[in-house]
Amino acid sequence: MSETLSFDFAEFVRRRKGETPVTRDAEASYAFQGDLEMQAHIMKLGPVVSVMESVVRLSKSLQKNSLLGHAVLVTPKQFPKVHALVATAAERLGIGMPTVYITQQMDLNAHTFGTETDSYIVLNSGIIDHLEEDELLFVIGHEAGHIQNRHVTLLNAAYYLAKMGSQIVKWIAYPALAALQSWSRKAEITCDRAGLLCARNLEVAQRSLIKLALGSQKLYEQIDIDEYLKQQEEGRKGAGKYMELMASHPYLPKRVEALRVFAESRFYREHAKEQQGGLDKLTVDARVSQIIKIA
């Protein structure tokens, strides 16, 4: 299989500015408000948009054979258990069935590439080997959340800008990448919520995130989640907190804590058919904003 993954950046900008109609559902109602606000902010930064457009134009000529050339498509006959998990995630999020590939990479990771209308989820084989099925459902739901919330174009821009930053004037590339990374950290919060809505089990979601951080099957059972979360407070005190400014994901303890807050929401409890009541979305987003901010 040989595919070129590209996307029409100009069309993406027109849609974001409301100049052309969006042909898919709007961002899901569970989306983190900080994610939505940052997307709108990025679209107002003319120089940043110009840099992203240049990077995307360059990326269109790059073949993804190094990835998709060695990937295997998930179908009902090929990896049926994984296919069933993808179908469950799509049903619970109310989206169409995503295209999913498995690639021979042992690091515990997953990605979403492609376009807003033709997106690909790529699962590394390592994540298949390490996670139980319910945990893998959380990861697939997370990636499907990127598709549902129309993150894919900006994810591609951030990916290629990080890879090609040295080929662009640094004083131009740095602000664009910084803006995209700031957005990406907020987008991950949205998609962790999507994963939880698919898994419908907070313990499973927390365990999935911590397994991704730990990467050792022998040590999984020895993890104490509350002890692990104490690292969040330590990380806020040291100079290392500033390293998060150029990270694409919030530190994992923050993600776990943010998921715990979302699990208290009325939206999640109704979706998961748990007890009635819960926090309204404004309260949840305000609390999460405090959790993930970089002091």
Protein backbone atom coordinates (compact mmCIF):
# COMPACT_ATOMS: atom_id res chain seq x y z
CA MET A 1 0.00 0.00 0.00
CA SER A 2 1.34 3.43 -0.92
CA GLU A 3 -0.54 6.53 0.19
CA THR A 4 0.18 10.24 0.23
CA LEU A 5 -1.50 11.94 3.16
CA SER A 6 -2.25 15.55 2.33
CA PHE A 7 -4.95 18.08 3.04
CA ASP A 8 -6.31 21.32 1.69
CA PHE A 9 -5.16 23.90 4.23
CA ALA A 10 -6.82 26.81 2.44
CA GLU A 11 -10.16 25.01 2.57
CA PHE A 12 -9.62 24.32 6.27
CA VAL A 13 -9.03 28.04 6.96
CA ARG A 14 -12.13 29.01 4.96
CA ARG A 15 -14.24 26.60 6.97
CA ARG A 16 -12.83 27.82 10.26
CA LYS A 17 -13.60 31.42 9.27
CA GLY A 18 -17.10 30.45 8.22
CA GLU A 19 -16.51 31.28 4.55
CA THR A 20 -17.59 27.80 3.42
CA PRO A 21 -20.02 25.46 5.14
CA VAL A 22 -18.68 22.67 7.32
CA THR A 23 -19.79 19.35 5.89
CA ARG A 24 -19.52 17.40 9.13
CA ASP A 25 -20.93 17.80 12.61
CA ALA A 26 -19.63 20.65 14.72
CA GLU A 27 -17.23 19.95 17.56
CA ALA A 28 -18.69 17.57 20.09
CA SER A 29 -20.50 19.06 23.07
CA TYR A 30 -17.98 17.48 25.45
CA ALA A 31 -15.08 19.46 23.92
CA PHE A 32 -12.90 21.42 26.33
CA GLN A 33 -13.65 25.11 25.92
CA GLY A 34 -9.96 25.96 26.03
CA ASP A 35 -9.48 23.81 22.94
CA LEU A 36 -12.18 25.65 21.00
CA GLU A 37 -10.98 29.09 22.07
CA MET A 38 -7.37 28.33 21.15
CA GLN A 39 -8.38 27.12 17.70
CA ALA A 40 -10.25 30.38 17.10
CA HIS A 41 -7.24 32.36 18.37
CA ILE A 42 -4.82 30.58 16.01
CA MET A 43 -7.00 31.37 13.01
CA LYS A 44 -6.71 35.08 13.83
CA LEU A 45 -2.89 35.04 13.82
CA GLY A 46 -2.12 35.88 10.21
CA PRO A 47 1.65 35.19 10.31
CA VAL A 48 1.09 31.92 12.16
CA VAL A 49 -1.51 30.79 9.61
CA SER A 50 0.91 31.69 6.81
CA VAL A 51 3.69 29.61 8.33
CA MET A 52 1.36 26.66 8.85
CA GLU A 53 0.18 26.94 5.28
CA SER A 54 3.77 26.85 4.02
CA VAL A 55 4.58 23.80 6.13
CA VAL A 56 1.44 22.01 5.00
CA ARG A 57 2.16 22.79 1.34
CA LEU A 58 5.61 21.24 1.74
CA SER A 59 4.22 18.21 3.55
CA LYS A 60 1.89 17.45 0.65
CA SER A 61 4.85 16.27 -1.40
CA LEU A 62 6.08 13.88 1.29
CA GLN A 63 5.23 10.22 0.82
CA LYS A 64 4.15 8.40 3.98
CA ASN A 65 5.50 5.07 2.74
CA SER A 66 7.70 4.84 5.80
CA LEU A 67 4.49 4.61 7.83
CA LEU A 68 1.64 3.33 5.71
CA GLY A 69 3.86 1.19 3.51
CA HIS A 70 4.39 -1.09 6.49
CA ALA A 71 0.97 -0.70 8.10
CA VAL A 72 -1.87 -3.23 8.02
CA LEU A 73 -5.48 -2.18 7.64
CA VAL A 74 -7.95 -3.18 10.36
CA THR A 75 -11.02 -4.90 8.90
CA PRO A 76 -13.71 -7.31 10.15
CA LYS A 77 -11.63 -10.20 8.78
CA GLN A 78 -8.26 -8.77 9.73
CA PHE A 79 -7.86 -8.01 13.45
CA PRO A 80 -11.61 -8.48 14.14
CA LYS A 81 -11.28 -7.72 17.87
CA VAL A 82 -9.64 -4.38 17.18
CA HIS A 83 -12.23 -3.69 14.48
CA ALA A 84 -15.01 -4.35 17.00
CA LEU A 85 -13.44 -1.85 19.42
CA VAL A 86 -13.28 0.77 16.67
CA ALA A 87 -16.95 0.14 15.89
CA THR A 88 -17.84 0.55 19.57
CA ALA A 89 -15.93 3.83 19.81
CA ALA A 90 -17.62 5.15 16.65
CA GLU A 91 -21.05 4.19 17.94
CA ARG A 92 -20.56 5.74 21.37
CA LEU A 93 -19.25 9.00 19.90
CA GLY A 94 -21.85 9.06 17.14
CA ILE A 95 -19.36 9.25 14.24
CA GLY A 96 -18.67 7.24 11.12
CA MET A 97 -16.32 4.27 11.26
CA PRO A 98 -12.72 5.56 11.19
CA THR A 99 -10.04 3.94 9.07
CA VAL A 100 -7.48 2.28 11.34
CA TYR A 101 -4.05 0.84 10.59
CA ILE A 102 -1.63 -1.09 12.79
CA THR A 103 2.06 -0.47 12.26
CA GLN A 104 5.13 -2.30 13.55
CA GLN A 105 6.34 0.10 16.22
CA MET A 106 6.91 -1.08 19.77
CA ASP A 107 6.62 2.28 21.53
CA LEU A 108 3.24 2.77 23.18
CA ASN A 109 1.67 5.33 20.91
CA ALA A 110 -1.15 6.09 18.50
CA HIS A 111 -1.65 8.91 15.99
CA THR A 112 -4.28 10.44 13.74
CA PHE A 113 -3.28 11.64 10.28
CA GLY A 114 -5.02 12.66 7.06
CA THR A 115 -7.72 15.21 6.37
CA GLU A 116 -10.90 16.33 8.06
CA THR A 117 -12.91 14.22 5.64
CA ASP A 118 -10.47 11.31 5.25
CA SER A 119 -8.67 10.64 8.53
CA TYR A 120 -6.50 7.71 9.52
CA ILE A 121 -5.89 6.33 13.00
CA VAL A 122 -2.56 4.54 13.32
CA LEU A 123 -2.01 2.21 16.29
CA ASN A 124 1.51 1.05 17.07
CA SER A 125 1.75 -2.70 17.63
CA GLY A 126 3.33 -2.05 21.03
CA ILE A 127 0.15 -0.48 22.34
CA ILE A 128 -1.84 -3.52 21.19
CA ASP A 129 0.50 -5.84 23.10
CA HIS A 130 0.49 -3.86 26.34
CA LEU A 131 -3.14 -2.84 26.79
CA GLU A 132 -6.21 -4.86 27.66
CA GLU A 133 -9.19 -4.53 25.32
CA ASP A 134 -11.06 -2.03 27.51
CA GLU A 135 -7.90 0.08 27.78
CA LEU A 136 -7.39 -0.06 24.03
CA LEU A 137 -10.97 1.14 23.61
CA PHE A 138 -10.01 4.27 25.57
CA VAL A 139 -7.04 4.90 23.26
CA ILE A 140 -9.09 4.34 20.10
CA GLY A 141 -11.80 6.62 21.49
CA HIS A 142 -9.18 9.28 22.18
CA GLU A 143 -7.95 9.18 18.59
CA ALA A 144 -11.51 9.12 17.26
CA GLY A 145 -12.08 12.26 19.33
CA HIS A 146 -9.49 14.06 17.20
CA ILE A 147 -11.53 13.16 14.14
CA GLN A 148 -14.86 14.12 15.66
CA ASN A 149 -13.54 17.48 16.84
CA ARG A 150 -11.86 18.33 13.52
CA HIS A 151 -8.37 18.42 14.99
CA VAL A 152 -6.62 16.59 12.18
CA THR A 153 -5.49 19.54 10.08
CA LEU A 154 -3.92 21.37 13.00
CA LEU A 155 -2.34 18.12 14.24
CA ASN A 156 -0.70 17.69 10.85
CA ALA A 157 0.50 21.28 10.85
CA ALA A 158 2.03 20.88 14.31
CA TYR A 159 3.65 17.57 13.36
CA TYR A 160 5.29 18.85 10.20
CA LEU A 161 6.26 22.19 11.69
CA ALA A 162 8.07 20.41 14.53
CA LYS A 163 9.85 18.20 11.99
CA MET A 164 10.68 20.98 9.54
CA GLY A 165 11.25 23.91 11.87
CA SER A 166 14.94 24.07 10.96
CA GLN A 167 13.99 24.68 7.32
CA ILE A 168 11.98 27.80 8.21
CA VAL A 169 13.16 31.12 9.60
CA LYS A 170 13.19 30.39 13.35
CA TRP A 171 11.71 33.69 14.49
CA ILE A 172 8.70 32.89 12.32
CA ALA A 173 8.50 29.15 13.01
CA TYR A 174 8.77 29.37 16.79
CA PRO A 175 5.60 31.46 17.41
CA ALA A 176 3.61 29.21 15.07
CA LEU A 177 4.83 26.04 16.75
CA ALA A 178 4.32 27.52 20.22
CA ALA A 179 0.72 28.42 19.35
CA LEU A 180 0.07 24.97 17.92
CA GLN A 181 1.61 23.19 20.90
CA SER A 182 -0.44 25.30 23.31
CA TRP A 183 -3.57 24.33 21.37
CA SER A 184 -2.51 20.68 21.20
CA ARG A 185 -2.28 20.40 24.99
CA LYS A 186 -5.88 21.58 25.22
CA ALA A 187 -6.99 19.34 22.37
CA GLU A 188 -5.62 16.34 24.27
CA ILE A 189 -7.97 17.16 27.14
CA THR A 190 -10.90 17.09 24.73
CA CYS A 191 -9.82 13.73 23.36
CA ASP A 192 -9.17 12.17 26.76
CA ARG A 193 -12.82 12.95 27.39
CA ALA A 194 -13.74 11.19 24.16
CA GLY A 195 -11.76 8.17 25.30
CA LEU A 196 -13.55 8.12 28.64
CA LEU A 197 -16.92 8.41 26.94
CA CYS A 198 -16.01 5.31 24.93
CA ALA A 199 -14.52 3.29 27.79
CA ARG A 200 -17.23 4.39 30.26
CA ASN A 201 -14.93 3.53 33.14
CA LEU A 202 -12.71 6.07 34.89
CA GLU A 203 -10.43 3.41 36.37
CA VAL A 204 -9.80 1.94 32.92
CA ALA A 205 -9.05 5.39 31.48
CA GLN A 206 -6.63 6.25 34.28
CA ARG A 207 -4.92 2.89 33.97
CA SER A 208 -4.53 3.36 30.23
CA LEU A 209 -2.82 6.72 30.64
CA ILE A 210 -0.50 5.47 33.35
CA LYS A 211 0.46 2.39 31.35
CA LEU A 212 1.38 4.68 28.47
CA ALA A 213 3.61 6.65 30.84
CA LEU A 214 5.21 3.60 32.46
CA GLY A 215 5.73 1.32 29.48
CA SER A 216 6.56 -1.76 31.58
CA GLN A 217 4.20 -4.70 31.84
CA LYS A 218 6.02 -6.01 34.92
CA LEU A 219 5.43 -2.81 36.91
CA TYR A 220 1.80 -2.06 36.04
CA GLU A 221 0.33 -3.77 39.08
CA GLN A 222 2.61 -1.85 41.46
CA ILE A 223 1.39 1.60 40.44
CA ASP A 224 -0.51 3.61 43.06
CA ILE A 225 -2.50 6.23 41.15
CA ASP A 226 -2.80 8.69 44.05
CA GLU A 227 0.94 8.45 44.68
CA TYR A 228 1.56 9.01 40.99
CA LEU A 229 -0.57 12.17 40.99
CA LYS A 230 1.64 13.71 43.66
CA GLN A 231 4.19 14.19 40.90
CA GLN A 232 1.95 16.92 39.52
CA GLU A 233 2.57 19.15 42.53
CA GLU A 234 6.31 18.52 42.40
CA GLY A 235 6.38 19.34 38.69
CA ARG A 236 4.72 22.70 39.31
CA LYS A 237 7.47 23.82 41.67
CA GLY A 238 10.59 23.18 39.61
CA ALA A 239 12.05 24.82 36.54
CA GLY A 240 11.02 21.71 34.60
CA LYS A 241 7.49 23.06 34.42
CA TYR A 242 8.61 25.41 31.65
CA MET A 243 9.58 22.45 29.46
CA GLU A 244 5.87 21.75 29.17
CA LEU A 245 5.45 24.99 27.20
CA MET A 246 6.73 23.29 24.04
CA ALA A 247 5.15 19.91 24.73
CA SER A 248 2.26 18.69 22.59
CA HIS A 249 0.60 16.93 25.54
CA PRO A 250 0.00 18.05 29.13
CA TYR A 251 1.98 16.13 31.72
CA LEU A 252 0.21 12.85 32.37
CA PRO A 253 -0.67 13.54 36.02
CA LYS A 254 -2.57 16.62 34.80
CA ARG A 255 -4.44 14.53 32.26
CA VAL A 256 -5.45 12.01 34.91
CA GLU A 257 -6.63 14.75 37.24
CA ALA A 258 -8.55 16.46 34.43
CA LEU A 259 -10.27 13.17 33.58
CA ARG A 260 -11.33 12.75 37.20
CA VAL A 261 -13.03 16.13 37.06
CA PHE A 262 -14.80 15.30 33.79
CA ALA A 263 -16.00 12.03 35.33
CA GLU A 264 -17.89 14.15 37.86
CA SER A 265 -19.75 16.00 35.11
CA ARG A 266 -23.44 15.63 34.44
CA PHE A 267 -22.62 15.04 30.76
CA TYR A 268 -20.41 12.03 31.45
CA ARG A 269 -22.65 10.51 34.09
CA GLU A 270 -25.65 10.63 31.80
CA HIS A 271 -23.66 9.21 28.89
CA ALA A 272 -22.22 6.39 30.99
CA LYS A 273 -25.62 5.77 32.59
CA GLU A 274 -24.20 6.32 36.05
CA GLN A 275 -25.84 8.26 38.90
CA GLN A 276 -27.85 11.38 38.07
CA GLY A 277 -26.60 14.92 38.55
CA GLY A 278 -23.05 16.17 38.45
CA LEU A 279 -21.06 19.25 37.57
CA ASP A 280 -22.11 21.52 34.71
CA LYS A 281 -19.69 21.99 31.81
CA LEU A 282 -18.69 25.53 32.76
CA THR A 283 -17.59 24.37 36.20
CA VAL A 284 -15.75 21.36 34.78
CA ASP A 285 -13.88 23.45 32.21
CA ALA A 286 -12.95 26.09 34.78
CA ARG A 287 -11.51 23.47 37.13
CA VAL A 288 -9.65 21.74 34.31
CA SER A 289 -8.19 25.05 33.13
CA GLN A 290 -6.63 25.47 36.56
CA ILE A 291 -5.26 21.93 36.50
CA ILE A 292 -3.52 22.15 33.13
CA LYS A 293 -2.25 25.72 33.26
CA ILE A 294 1.49 26.24 33.34
CA ALA A 295 2.17 28.60 36.24
